[in-house]
Amino acid sequence: MTGAELTREHVRVAVIGAGFGGLGAAVRLRRAGITDFVVLERAGAVGGTWRDNTYPGCACDVPSHLYSFSFAPNPEWPRNFSGQPHIRAYLERVTDTFGLRPHLRLDAEVRALRWDSRALHWEIDTASGPLTADVVVSATGPLSDPKIPDIPGLAGFPGAVFHSSRWDHGYDLRGKRVAVIGTGASAIQIVPAIQREVARLTVFQRTPAWVLPRMDRCISAAEQWLHTRVPATRALRRAALWAVRELQTGAFTKRPDALRLVERVALRHMRRAIDDPALRARLTPDYRLGCKRVLLSGDYYPALAQPHVDVVAAGLKEVRGSTLVAADGTETEADAIIFGTGFQVTDMPIARRVTGAYGTTLAEEWRDGMAALRGTSAAGFPNFLTIIGPNTGLGTSSMILVIEAQLAYLVDFMRQLDVLGAGGGGKVALDARPSAVRAWTDRMRERLSRSVWNVGGCDSWYLQDGLNTTVWPGTTTEFRRATRRVDVTEYRVLLPEREAPPGAAPDRAVTATETATETATETATETATETATDSGAETATDSGAVGAGSGAGRRAS
């Protein structure tokens, strides 16, 4: 071992990302008694997507009381659907309330991760220096890296060009001719927010979206007082929001035709704001509601009806100087281009930086489609867990519920490592069996085969080369049940090479060998599952409110 290796920092767990997933992982690790961890964040502050997205009108489309941690309720949410500043402030308060700042490594972008099969740990290269970790939790999230299409001539555009998640606040839109590319969740918030100040607004719409009314309102001071003084009312509100969405899930996953009734609501919503039959026709989807993300807005359609707003029913094909050319040949002059074209969801950049036990990157292993056991563990990447991994996305409820379920899985994963390590006399690692990953993936594909995301008649970012590798095909209750405990029989148990029994042969391109026999594995599974995990596997319950007055030294947002 070299001197550099001797002095390199080592931690039990390295968490990548300081958004909801990463901060939640940090809280759960501390609550489980694990304090030897760091949270690696590439930016200079916590918040994840709610730090990066600062565009006008930015807000959540999930009700506030459901879009928050169960262990950190906020009785003082100001609106049904809170805006970006309030959500980011909430995450800052979570960071302070649970004492996470000593664990943060800001401006520490992860450049590369490589599994060391001999030492059974991850070697991590970051912008702030190298380190090693026994376990890595990737919580970079699917909405972290913007996706801008490769448009011929875009580099020669003389005006401003930026993505919605990288908003240029130094550029003044007033009096400008602005083009918004895309009609997704960000675009329908941006268009109403900027249409009053621009001279002309052109929306390039490749595919129209289904838009339902957004039942937003201020949460009164009396309600906030009641939620603070009587926590049961807050819990009841959250439970009601959750229950309604659980009941809706069946239509999306099993009975897409039942969504025709909801389509009527959406069309009536459009007709109330749009009088022009031609514009209505351009805005009416030709696929089943739910196939693409269902959008919520009360001011998008009224904004499109304004005389200085145009909707081009085609995508942007080419840029010629300041002239934008649509796929249908329509030409538009613009001073600024704003891309609301989403994120790299099925080709997450972090996957290209992670090299596993077989010497291949996660991106290479996922070239035919993302796959991970219970949405968390990929075969060939020992002790590497992904928060919001393959087939964990939701089309009907709050992703915070999925995150918390995966955090329970993480805590049990750590317990299993401790139990197996104690039984084997040293360090161990868990690597998802390829057969277990295949069985899980096959189950996901079978269940998704009749879902609206697969049969709804649209092309969406949920699909990767025709495969649905993003959405969870069930309720959040089902997901919580599926990730409640780690089944060690779904994993290979690895020991460092030096501890391998005589004559043991290493697996393909892996110097660490699977030394636990089936009997030992089953025994460890029974003891760990039945005795060690009961208290840590449940989704965390309320342990204290995180309101505007909570926490010390809150960072201004």
Protein backbone atom coordinates (compact mmCIF):
# COMPACT_ATOMS: atom_id res chain seq x y z
CA MET A 1 0.00 0.00 0.00
CA THR A 2 1.40 3.40 -0.98
CA GLY A 3 1.70 6.41 1.32
CA ALA A 4 -1.09 8.14 -0.61
CA GLU A 5 -3.38 5.17 -0.01
CA LEU A 6 -2.54 5.19 3.69
CA THR A 7 -3.45 8.86 4.05
CA ARG A 8 -6.54 8.81 1.81
CA GLU A 9 -9.71 9.51 3.76
CA HIS A 10 -12.01 6.53 4.24
CA VAL A 11 -15.67 6.63 5.28
CA ARG A 12 -18.27 3.99 5.89
CA VAL A 13 -20.78 5.58 3.48
CA ALA A 14 -20.47 8.19 0.75
CA VAL A 15 -23.75 9.77 -0.38
CA ILE A 16 -23.73 11.54 -3.74
CA GLY A 17 -26.11 14.49 -4.01
CA ALA A 18 -27.70 16.85 -1.49
CA GLY A 19 -31.27 16.99 -2.71
CA PHE A 20 -34.23 15.18 -1.16
CA GLY A 21 -32.65 11.75 -1.69
CA GLY A 22 -29.20 12.60 -0.36
CA LEU A 23 -30.36 14.60 2.64
CA GLY A 24 -32.94 11.94 3.46
CA ALA A 25 -30.21 9.27 3.34
CA ALA A 26 -28.07 11.35 5.69
CA VAL A 27 -30.92 11.70 8.19
CA ARG A 28 -31.72 7.98 8.13
CA LEU A 29 -28.06 7.01 8.54
CA ARG A 30 -27.74 9.23 11.60
CA ARG A 31 -30.98 7.89 13.05
CA ALA A 32 -29.57 4.36 12.59
CA GLY A 33 -26.46 5.33 14.56
CA ILE A 34 -24.18 5.59 11.51
CA THR A 35 -22.19 8.85 11.62
CA ASP A 36 -19.12 7.91 9.56
CA PHE A 37 -20.44 9.26 6.26
CA VAL A 38 -20.12 12.23 3.91
CA VAL A 39 -22.56 13.83 1.49
CA LEU A 40 -20.78 14.82 -1.73
CA GLU A 41 -22.46 17.72 -3.53
CA ARG A 42 -21.19 19.24 -6.76
CA ALA A 43 -22.78 22.63 -6.12
CA GLY A 44 -22.15 25.13 -3.34
CA ALA A 45 -25.44 24.53 -1.49
CA VAL A 46 -28.01 21.84 -0.75
CA GLY A 47 -31.33 21.57 -2.54
CA GLY A 48 -30.79 19.48 -5.68
CA THR A 49 -33.32 20.25 -8.39
CA TRP A 50 -34.95 22.85 -6.11
CA ARG A 51 -31.66 24.71 -5.95
CA ASP A 52 -31.03 24.53 -9.70
CA ASN A 53 -34.51 25.39 -10.99
CA THR A 54 -35.13 29.06 -10.33
CA TYR A 55 -37.15 29.94 -13.42
CA PRO A 56 -40.16 32.28 -13.08
CA GLY A 57 -43.19 30.44 -11.75
CA CYS A 58 -41.24 27.40 -10.57
CA ALA A 59 -43.38 25.34 -8.18
CA CYS A 60 -44.17 21.74 -7.28
CA ASP A 61 -47.11 19.89 -8.85
CA VAL A 62 -47.49 17.62 -5.80
CA PRO A 63 -49.34 18.96 -2.72
CA SER A 64 -46.91 20.42 -0.18
CA HIS A 65 -48.02 18.27 2.75
CA LEU A 66 -47.27 15.15 0.71
CA TYR A 67 -44.07 16.53 -0.82
CA SER A 68 -42.10 16.50 2.42
CA PHE A 69 -40.46 13.94 4.66
CA SER A 70 -42.67 12.06 7.10
CA PHE A 71 -39.93 12.50 9.70
CA ALA A 72 -39.72 16.25 9.06
CA PRO A 73 -43.26 17.58 8.62
CA ASN A 74 -43.72 21.28 7.94
CA PRO A 75 -46.97 22.63 9.40
CA GLU A 76 -46.30 26.05 7.88
CA TRP A 77 -46.45 25.34 4.16
CA PRO A 78 -47.88 28.55 2.66
CA ARG A 79 -49.74 27.05 -0.31
CA ASN A 80 -51.30 23.80 -1.47
CA PHE A 81 -48.57 23.66 -4.13
CA SER A 82 -45.55 25.46 -2.77
CA GLY A 83 -43.06 27.35 -4.88
CA GLN A 84 -39.36 26.69 -5.35
CA PRO A 85 -38.15 29.19 -2.70
CA HIS A 86 -40.27 27.53 0.01
CA ILE A 87 -39.17 24.00 -0.91
CA ARG A 88 -35.53 24.96 -1.00
CA ALA A 89 -35.87 26.71 2.37
CA TYR A 90 -37.46 23.54 3.74
CA LEU A 91 -34.43 21.48 2.66
CA GLU A 92 -32.08 24.01 4.27
CA ARG A 93 -34.03 23.66 7.52
CA VAL A 94 -33.90 19.86 7.32
CA THR A 95 -30.13 20.15 6.94
CA ASP A 96 -29.86 22.26 10.08
CA THR A 97 -32.49 20.51 12.20
CA PHE A 98 -30.86 17.10 11.78
CA GLY A 99 -27.26 18.34 12.09
CA LEU A 100 -26.17 17.41 8.58
CA ARG A 101 -23.81 20.28 7.76
CA PRO A 102 -20.70 18.63 9.28
CA HIS A 103 -21.21 15.77 6.84
CA LEU A 104 -21.54 17.99 3.73
CA ARG A 105 -18.75 18.30 1.17
CA LEU A 106 -19.86 21.13 -1.10
CA ASP A 107 -18.23 21.88 -4.46
CA ALA A 108 -17.14 18.23 -4.46
CA GLU A 109 -18.39 16.91 -7.80
CA VAL A 110 -17.79 13.19 -8.19
CA ARG A 111 -15.59 12.63 -11.23
CA ALA A 112 -15.16 8.87 -11.03
CA LEU A 113 -15.95 5.87 -8.85
CA ARG A 114 -14.19 2.52 -9.15
CA TRP A 115 -14.82 -0.66 -7.17
CA ASP A 116 -11.73 -2.20 -5.55
CA SER A 117 -12.47 -5.92 -5.37
CA ARG A 118 -9.42 -6.64 -3.25
CA ALA A 119 -10.25 -4.14 -0.51
CA LEU A 120 -14.03 -4.29 -0.99
CA HIS A 121 -14.52 -0.56 -1.14
CA TRP A 122 -15.17 2.22 -3.61
CA GLU A 123 -12.38 4.55 -4.75
CA ILE A 124 -13.89 7.97 -5.33
CA ASP A 125 -12.33 10.88 -7.18
CA THR A 126 -13.96 14.23 -6.42
CA ALA A 127 -13.27 17.85 -7.21
CA SER A 128 -12.20 18.33 -3.57
CA GLY A 129 -9.92 15.30 -3.42
CA PRO A 130 -9.98 11.48 -3.37
CA LEU A 131 -11.50 9.21 -0.75
CA THR A 132 -12.72 5.66 -0.31
CA ALA A 133 -16.02 4.33 1.02
CA ASP A 134 -17.40 0.92 1.92
CA VAL A 135 -20.84 1.84 0.59
CA VAL A 136 -21.93 4.42 -1.98
CA VAL A 137 -25.45 5.84 -2.15
CA SER A 138 -26.11 7.58 -5.45
CA ALA A 139 -28.82 10.21 -4.94
CA THR A 140 -28.11 12.42 -7.93
CA GLY A 141 -31.72 12.10 -9.08
CA PRO A 142 -33.11 11.90 -12.62
CA LEU A 143 -33.84 15.66 -12.85
CA SER A 144 -30.32 16.97 -12.34
CA ASP A 145 -28.70 17.20 -15.78
CA PRO A 146 -30.56 19.22 -18.45
CA LYS A 147 -31.21 17.81 -21.88
CA ILE A 148 -30.85 20.19 -24.83
CA PRO A 149 -31.53 18.73 -28.28
CA ASP A 150 -28.87 18.94 -30.96
CA ILE A 151 -30.40 21.57 -33.25
CA PRO A 152 -28.52 22.47 -36.46
CA GLY A 153 -27.46 26.13 -36.40
CA LEU A 154 -28.11 26.64 -32.70
CA ALA A 155 -24.49 27.58 -32.04
CA GLY A 156 -24.85 30.48 -34.47
CA PHE A 157 -27.94 31.98 -32.82
CA PRO A 158 -27.08 35.61 -31.93
CA GLY A 159 -29.39 35.89 -28.91
CA ALA A 160 -29.65 34.32 -25.48
CA VAL A 161 -29.99 30.55 -25.17
CA PHE A 162 -30.56 28.71 -21.89
CA HIS A 163 -32.32 25.73 -20.33
CA SER A 164 -35.12 26.18 -17.82
CA SER A 165 -32.97 24.62 -15.08
CA ARG A 166 -30.09 27.01 -15.82
CA TRP A 167 -32.11 30.22 -15.97
CA ASP A 168 -30.18 33.31 -17.00
CA HIS A 169 -31.39 35.90 -14.49
CA GLY A 170 -29.05 38.47 -16.00
CA TYR A 171 -30.98 38.51 -19.26
CA ASP A 172 -33.93 40.92 -19.41
CA LEU A 173 -36.88 39.39 -21.29
CA ARG A 174 -38.92 42.57 -21.32
CA GLY A 175 -39.83 43.64 -24.84
CA LYS A 176 -38.08 40.64 -26.41
CA ARG A 177 -39.25 38.04 -28.90
CA VAL A 178 -38.95 34.81 -26.96
CA ALA A 179 -39.26 31.19 -28.07
CA VAL A 180 -40.01 28.44 -25.55
CA ILE A 181 -39.10 24.97 -26.77
CA GLY A 182 -41.20 22.24 -25.20
CA THR A 183 -44.52 21.97 -23.37
CA GLY A 184 -43.63 19.90 -20.32
CA ALA A 185 -43.94 20.55 -16.60
CA SER A 186 -41.45 23.44 -16.58
CA ALA A 187 -42.68 25.11 -19.77
CA ILE A 188 -46.30 25.35 -18.63
CA GLN A 189 -45.11 27.29 -15.59
CA ILE A 190 -42.69 29.51 -17.51
CA VAL A 191 -45.11 30.56 -20.26
CA PRO A 192 -47.70 32.22 -17.98
CA ALA A 193 -44.96 33.79 -15.86
CA ILE A 194 -43.20 35.58 -18.73
CA GLN A 195 -45.95 36.20 -21.28
CA ARG A 196 -46.97 39.54 -19.73
CA GLU A 197 -43.53 41.10 -20.17
CA VAL A 198 -42.33 39.81 -23.54
CA ALA A 199 -43.16 41.45 -26.86
CA ARG A 200 -43.88 38.14 -28.58
CA LEU A 201 -43.90 34.59 -27.29
CA THR A 202 -43.72 31.52 -29.51
CA VAL A 203 -44.22 28.07 -28.03
CA PHE A 204 -42.81 25.16 -30.02
CA GLN A 205 -44.98 22.16 -29.19
CA ARG A 206 -43.96 18.78 -30.52
CA THR A 207 -46.75 16.97 -28.66
CA PRO A 208 -49.64 18.59 -26.75
CA ALA A 209 -50.04 17.71 -23.09
CA TRP A 210 -53.07 16.82 -21.05
CA VAL A 211 -53.58 19.68 -18.59
CA LEU A 212 -55.86 19.51 -15.55
CA PRO A 213 -56.86 22.37 -13.23
CA ARG A 214 -54.35 23.11 -10.50
CA MET A 215 -56.38 23.50 -7.36
CA ASP A 216 -53.93 25.83 -5.67
CA ARG A 217 -54.64 28.29 -2.88
CA CYS A 218 -53.00 29.87 0.12
CA ILE A 219 -53.03 27.78 3.28
CA SER A 220 -54.48 30.12 5.87
CA ALA A 221 -52.73 31.17 9.06
CA ALA A 222 -55.47 29.41 11.00
CA GLU A 223 -54.74 26.14 9.21
CA GLN A 224 -51.04 26.52 9.84
CA TRP A 225 -51.70 27.24 13.51
CA LEU A 226 -53.92 24.17 13.76
CA HIS A 227 -51.34 21.93 12.08
CA THR A 228 -48.69 23.22 14.49
CA ARG A 229 -50.74 22.89 17.66
CA VAL A 230 -52.59 19.69 16.74
CA PRO A 231 -50.20 17.47 14.75
CA ALA A 232 -52.95 14.92 14.16
CA THR A 233 -54.64 17.36 11.76
CA ARG A 234 -51.45 17.62 9.76
CA ALA A 235 -51.12 13.85 9.64
CA LEU A 236 -54.76 13.50 8.60
CA ARG A 237 -54.27 15.97 5.76
CA ARG A 238 -51.23 14.08 4.52
CA ALA A 239 -53.02 10.75 4.81
CA ALA A 240 -55.98 12.02 2.79
CA LEU A 241 -53.73 13.32 0.02
CA TRP A 242 -51.89 9.99 -0.04
CA ALA A 243 -55.06 7.86 -0.04
CA VAL A 244 -56.63 9.65 -3.00
CA ARG A 245 -53.51 9.05 -5.07
CA GLU A 246 -53.28 5.41 -4.05
CA LEU A 247 -56.84 4.91 -5.30
CA GLN A 248 -56.05 6.60 -8.63
CA THR A 249 -53.09 4.35 -9.36
CA GLY A 250 -55.10 1.39 -10.63
CA ALA A 251 -56.42 3.33 -13.60
CA PHE A 252 -52.87 4.16 -14.70
CA THR A 253 -51.42 0.69 -14.13
CA LYS A 254 -54.28 -1.65 -15.06
CA ARG A 255 -57.30 0.16 -16.53
CA PRO A 256 -56.17 2.98 -18.84
CA ASP A 257 -59.59 3.24 -20.49
CA ALA A 258 -60.98 4.44 -17.15
CA LEU A 259 -58.99 7.64 -17.71
CA ARG A 260 -61.42 8.74 -20.45
CA LEU A 261 -63.51 10.38 -17.74
CA VAL A 262 -60.53 12.45 -16.64
CA GLU A 263 -59.87 13.42 -20.25
CA ARG A 264 -63.32 15.03 -20.34
CA VAL A 265 -62.37 17.18 -17.35
CA ALA A 266 -59.16 18.24 -19.11
CA LEU A 267 -60.97 19.12 -22.36
CA ARG A 268 -63.58 21.12 -20.49
CA HIS A 269 -60.74 22.92 -18.70
CA MET A 270 -59.27 23.84 -22.09
CA ARG A 271 -62.56 24.99 -23.60
CA ARG A 272 -63.14 27.43 -20.74
CA ALA A 273 -59.93 29.29 -21.61
CA ILE A 274 -59.51 28.75 -25.38
CA ASP A 275 -62.18 30.07 -27.76
CA ASP A 276 -60.25 29.61 -31.01
CA PRO A 277 -61.17 26.19 -32.54
CA ALA A 278 -57.87 26.02 -34.45
CA LEU A 279 -55.85 26.58 -31.29
CA ARG A 280 -57.95 24.04 -29.42
CA ALA A 281 -57.19 21.49 -32.14
CA ARG A 282 -53.44 22.12 -31.81
CA LEU A 283 -53.65 21.71 -28.04
CA THR A 284 -55.74 18.51 -28.00
CA PRO A 285 -53.69 15.33 -27.42
CA ASP A 286 -54.30 12.24 -29.55
CA TYR A 287 -53.15 9.77 -26.89
CA ARG A 288 -54.58 8.49 -23.62
CA LEU A 289 -54.28 10.79 -20.61
CA GLY A 290 -51.43 9.61 -18.39
CA CYS A 291 -49.27 8.23 -21.19
CA LYS A 292 -47.14 11.35 -20.82
CA ARG A 293 -46.87 13.25 -17.57
CA VAL A 294 -50.20 14.83 -16.63
CA LEU A 295 -49.74 18.56 -16.06
CA LEU A 296 -51.53 20.87 -13.63
CA SER A 297 -52.13 24.53 -14.39
CA GLY A 298 -54.80 27.16 -14.11
CA ASP A 299 -53.04 29.85 -16.14
CA TYR A 300 -51.31 28.02 -19.01
CA TYR A 301 -54.28 27.98 -21.39
CA PRO A 302 -55.23 31.62 -20.69
CA ALA A 303 -51.63 32.60 -21.46
CA LEU A 304 -51.70 30.76 -24.80
CA ALA A 305 -54.92 32.56 -25.72
CA GLN A 306 -53.24 35.99 -25.60
CA PRO A 307 -52.87 37.77 -28.98
CA HIS A 308 -49.07 38.06 -28.76
CA VAL A 309 -48.60 34.33 -28.06
CA ASP A 310 -48.27 31.77 -30.85
CA VAL A 311 -48.30 27.97 -30.61
CA VAL A 312 -46.36 26.13 -33.31
CA ALA A 313 -47.54 22.53 -33.46
CA ALA A 314 -44.11 21.16 -34.32
CA GLY A 315 -40.69 20.84 -32.79
CA LEU A 316 -37.72 23.10 -33.52
CA LYS A 317 -35.82 21.69 -36.51
CA GLU A 318 -33.23 24.29 -37.43
CA VAL A 319 -31.85 27.71 -36.51
CA ARG A 320 -30.77 30.17 -39.23
CA GLY A 321 -29.32 33.20 -37.56
CA SER A 322 -32.20 34.68 -35.54
CA THR A 323 -34.78 32.68 -37.51
CA LEU A 324 -36.18 29.52 -35.94
CA VAL A 325 -37.50 26.90 -38.35
CA ALA A 326 -40.02 24.34 -37.12
CA ALA A 327 -40.39 20.79 -38.41
CA ASP A 328 -43.53 21.88 -40.30
CA GLY A 329 -41.67 24.73 -42.02
CA THR A 330 -42.99 27.54 -39.83
CA GLU A 331 -40.42 30.33 -39.40
CA THR A 332 -40.20 32.59 -36.35
CA GLU A 333 -37.87 35.42 -35.42
CA ALA A 334 -36.55 35.36 -31.88
CA ASP A 335 -34.23 37.25 -29.56
CA ALA A 336 -34.03 34.47 -26.97
CA ILE A 337 -34.54 30.70 -26.86
CA ILE A 338 -35.59 28.95 -23.65
CA PHE A 339 -35.39 25.16 -23.65
CA GLY A 340 -37.94 23.36 -21.50
CA THR A 341 -36.84 20.02 -22.89
CA GLY A 342 -36.38 18.01 -19.74
CA PHE A 343 -33.49 16.06 -18.33
CA GLN A 344 -31.23 13.07 -18.98
CA VAL A 345 -33.47 10.57 -17.21
CA THR A 346 -32.61 7.24 -18.85
CA ASP A 347 -28.96 8.12 -19.54
CA MET A 348 -27.92 9.70 -16.26
CA PRO A 349 -24.35 11.11 -16.51
CA ILE A 350 -23.34 9.60 -13.14
CA ALA A 351 -23.70 6.14 -14.72
CA ARG A 352 -20.79 6.90 -17.05
CA ARG A 353 -18.54 7.63 -14.07
CA VAL A 354 -19.16 4.46 -12.07
CA THR A 355 -16.93 1.45 -12.86
CA GLY A 356 -18.00 -1.77 -11.20
CA ALA A 357 -16.55 -5.17 -10.38
CA TYR A 358 -16.41 -6.30 -14.01
CA GLY A 359 -14.42 -3.30 -15.21
CA THR A 360 -17.39 -1.84 -17.06
CA THR A 361 -19.30 1.33 -16.31
CA LEU A 362 -22.88 1.41 -15.14
CA ALA A 363 -23.78 3.14 -18.40
CA GLU A 364 -22.28 0.25 -20.37
CA GLU A 365 -24.16 -2.31 -18.29
CA TRP A 366 -27.36 -0.32 -18.86
CA ARG A 367 -26.90 0.22 -22.59
CA ASP A 368 -29.87 -2.07 -23.32
CA GLY A 369 -31.99 -0.56 -20.57
CA MET A 370 -31.60 0.43 -16.93
CA ALA A 371 -32.14 -2.41 -14.47
CA ALA A 372 -31.69 -2.68 -10.72
CA LEU A 373 -32.95 -5.04 -8.05
CA ARG A 374 -35.91 -3.37 -6.31
CA GLY A 375 -34.94 -0.17 -8.09
CA THR A 376 -31.81 0.07 -5.97
CA SER A 377 -28.97 -2.43 -6.65
CA ALA A 378 -27.39 -3.16 -10.03
CA ALA A 379 -25.59 -6.46 -10.62
CA GLY A 380 -21.81 -6.11 -10.68
CA PHE A 381 -21.80 -2.96 -8.55
CA PRO A 382 -21.37 -4.18 -4.96
CA ASN A 383 -22.41 -1.93 -2.08
CA PHE A 384 -23.75 0.64 -4.55
CA LEU A 385 -27.34 1.77 -4.00
CA THR A 386 -29.30 4.16 -6.18
CA ILE A 387 -32.05 6.36 -4.78
CA ILE A 388 -34.73 6.88 -7.45
CA GLY A 389 -33.27 4.16 -9.61
CA PRO A 390 -34.82 2.17 -12.47
CA ASN A 391 -38.60 1.67 -12.29
CA THR A 392 -39.12 3.78 -9.18
CA GLY A 393 -40.76 6.82 -10.79
CA LEU A 394 -44.37 7.70 -10.08
CA GLY A 395 -47.06 9.08 -12.32
CA THR A 396 -49.66 9.59 -9.61
CA SER A 397 -48.08 10.42 -6.24
CA SER A 398 -45.14 11.95 -4.38
CA MET A 399 -41.61 10.76 -5.04
CA ILE A 400 -40.78 11.47 -1.41
CA LEU A 401 -42.73 8.31 -0.53
CA VAL A 402 -40.50 6.26 -2.83
CA ILE A 403 -37.38 7.91 -1.45
CA GLU A 404 -38.35 7.09 2.12
CA ALA A 405 -39.05 3.46 1.19
CA GLN A 406 -35.60 3.18 -0.39
CA LEU A 407 -34.02 4.78 2.68
CA ALA A 408 -35.56 2.02 4.81
CA TYR A 409 -33.95 -0.46 2.40
CA LEU A 410 -30.62 1.35 2.79
CA VAL A 411 -30.75 1.12 6.59
CA ASP A 412 -31.50 -2.61 6.42
CA PHE A 413 -28.71 -3.04 3.86
CA MET A 414 -26.26 -1.54 6.35
CA ARG A 415 -27.58 -3.83 9.11
CA GLN A 416 -27.13 -6.86 6.90
CA LEU A 417 -23.52 -5.89 6.20
CA ASP A 418 -22.89 -5.63 9.94
CA VAL A 419 -24.53 -8.98 10.68
CA LEU A 420 -22.77 -10.81 7.86
CA GLY A 421 -19.45 -9.15 8.66
CA ALA A 422 -19.71 -10.17 12.29
CA GLY A 423 -20.59 -13.72 11.29
CA GLY A 424 -17.75 -13.95 8.78
CA GLY A 425 -15.15 -12.25 10.94
CA GLY A 426 -14.56 -9.16 8.80
CA LYS A 427 -15.64 -6.86 6.01
CA VAL A 428 -18.21 -8.08 3.48
CA ALA A 429 -19.98 -6.66 0.45
CA LEU A 430 -23.32 -7.43 -1.16
CA ASP A 431 -23.61 -7.68 -4.94
CA ALA A 432 -27.04 -8.18 -6.50
CA ARG A 433 -27.29 -11.51 -8.28
CA PRO A 434 -27.86 -11.12 -12.04
CA SER A 435 -30.63 -13.71 -11.83
CA ALA A 436 -32.39 -11.67 -9.14
CA VAL A 437 -32.10 -8.48 -11.18
CA ARG A 438 -33.46 -10.25 -14.26
CA ALA A 439 -36.38 -11.71 -12.33
CA TRP A 440 -37.24 -8.31 -10.85
CA THR A 441 -36.92 -6.58 -14.23
CA ASP A 442 -39.07 -9.21 -15.96
CA ARG A 443 -41.72 -8.69 -13.28
CA MET A 444 -41.65 -4.93 -13.87
CA ARG A 445 -41.99 -5.32 -17.63
CA GLU A 446 -44.87 -7.76 -17.29
CA ARG A 447 -46.78 -5.47 -14.94
CA LEU A 448 -46.09 -2.41 -17.09
CA SER A 449 -47.22 -4.14 -20.28
CA ARG A 450 -50.84 -3.11 -19.69
CA SER A 451 -50.16 0.29 -18.11
CA VAL A 452 -51.07 3.61 -19.69
CA TRP A 453 -47.39 4.48 -20.00
CA ASN A 454 -46.89 1.51 -22.33
CA VAL A 455 -50.20 1.29 -24.20
CA GLY A 456 -51.36 4.90 -24.10
CA GLY A 457 -50.22 5.68 -27.65
CA CYS A 458 -47.47 8.23 -27.05
CA ASP A 459 -43.69 8.52 -27.08
CA SER A 460 -42.48 9.76 -23.72
CA TRP A 461 -39.34 10.05 -21.62
CA TYR A 462 -40.66 7.15 -19.55
CA LEU A 463 -39.52 4.83 -22.37
CA GLN A 464 -36.00 3.87 -23.41
CA ASP A 465 -35.95 2.26 -26.86
CA GLY A 466 -39.51 1.08 -26.26
CA LEU A 467 -38.79 -0.27 -22.76
CA ASN A 468 -40.29 1.34 -19.70
CA THR A 469 -37.30 1.57 -17.37
CA THR A 470 -38.51 4.49 -15.27
CA VAL A 471 -42.00 4.00 -13.79
CA TRP A 472 -43.10 1.91 -10.82
CA PRO A 473 -46.15 -0.17 -11.88
CA GLY A 474 -48.03 -0.06 -8.59
CA THR A 475 -48.97 1.88 -5.50
CA THR A 476 -46.54 3.40 -3.03
CA THR A 477 -47.79 0.87 -0.49
CA GLU A 478 -46.64 -1.95 -2.76
CA PHE A 479 -43.25 -0.30 -3.23
CA ARG A 480 -42.79 0.18 0.49
CA ARG A 481 -43.61 -3.48 1.01
CA ALA A 482 -41.15 -4.54 -1.70
CA THR A 483 -38.30 -2.54 -0.16
CA ARG A 484 -39.06 -3.10 3.51
CA ARG A 485 -36.26 -5.61 4.01
CA VAL A 486 -33.16 -6.82 2.20
CA ASP A 487 -33.39 -10.45 1.11
CA VAL A 488 -29.77 -11.59 1.25
CA THR A 489 -30.52 -14.58 -1.00
CA GLU A 490 -30.92 -12.03 -3.81
CA TYR A 491 -27.27 -11.03 -3.31
CA ARG A 492 -23.83 -12.58 -3.57
CA VAL A 493 -21.91 -12.17 -0.32
CA LEU A 494 -18.32 -11.12 -1.03
CA LEU A 495 -15.21 -11.17 1.14
CA PRO A 496 -11.83 -9.57 0.40
CA GLU A 497 -9.63 -11.80 -1.72
CA ARG A 498 -7.16 -12.39 1.06
CA GLU A 499 -9.96 -13.92 3.17
CA ALA A 500 -11.22 -16.27 0.48
CA PRO A 501 -11.16 -19.94 1.46
CA PRO A 502 -8.44 -22.11 -0.12
CA GLY A 503 -9.24 -23.20 -3.64
CA ALA A 504 -12.08 -20.72 -4.15
CA ALA A 505 -12.24 -19.38 -7.70
CA PRO A 506 -13.07 -15.72 -8.36
CA ASP A 507 -16.13 -14.80 -10.34
CA ARG A 508 -15.89 -13.25 -13.82
CA ALA A 509 -13.45 -10.32 -13.60
CA VAL A 510 -13.99 -10.09 -9.86
CA THR A 511 -11.10 -10.74 -7.47
CA ALA A 512 -13.42 -10.85 -4.45
CA THR A 513 -15.03 -14.28 -4.11
CA GLU A 514 -18.39 -15.40 -2.92
CA THR A 515 -17.41 -17.27 0.21
CA ALA A 516 -20.68 -17.59 2.09
CA THR A 517 -22.42 -20.89 1.47
CA GLU A 518 -26.16 -21.09 0.85
CA THR A 519 -26.65 -22.39 4.40
CA ALA A 520 -24.71 -19.50 5.93
CA THR A 521 -26.55 -17.02 3.74
CA GLU A 522 -29.95 -18.37 4.71
CA THR A 523 -28.98 -18.31 8.38
CA ALA A 524 -27.78 -14.72 8.12
CA THR A 525 -30.95 -13.80 6.28
CA GLU A 526 -33.17 -15.27 8.98
CA THR A 527 -31.31 -13.71 11.88
CA ALA A 528 -30.82 -10.33 10.26
CA THR A 529 -34.33 -10.09 8.88
CA GLU A 530 -36.22 -11.31 11.92
CA THR A 531 -34.19 -9.64 14.67
CA ALA A 532 -32.09 -6.77 13.38
CA THR A 533 -34.29 -5.03 10.85
CA ASP A 534 -37.75 -4.74 12.33
CA SER A 535 -37.11 -1.33 13.89
CA GLY A 536 -35.22 0.11 10.93
CA ALA A 537 -37.17 -1.19 7.98
CA GLU A 538 -40.34 0.78 8.51
CA THR A 539 -40.79 4.12 6.85
CA ALA A 540 -39.84 6.82 9.33
CA THR A 541 -42.67 8.42 11.25
CA ASP A 542 -43.09 11.98 12.42
CA SER A 543 -40.48 12.89 14.99
CA GLY A 544 -40.67 16.66 14.94
CA ALA A 545 -41.91 19.48 12.77
CA VAL A 546 -39.60 21.46 10.52
CA GLY A 547 -41.35 24.78 10.27
CA ALA A 548 -40.17 28.26 9.45
CA GLY A 549 -38.91 28.76 12.98
CA SER A 550 -37.10 25.41 13.25
CA GLY A 551 -33.36 24.85 13.09
CA ALA A 552 -30.39 27.03 13.87
CA GLY A 553 -28.37 29.10 11.47
CA ARG A 554 -30.71 28.57 8.53
CA ARG A 555 -29.13 29.51 5.23
CA ALA A 556 -30.99 32.25 3.40
CA SER A 557 -32.55 31.06 0.17
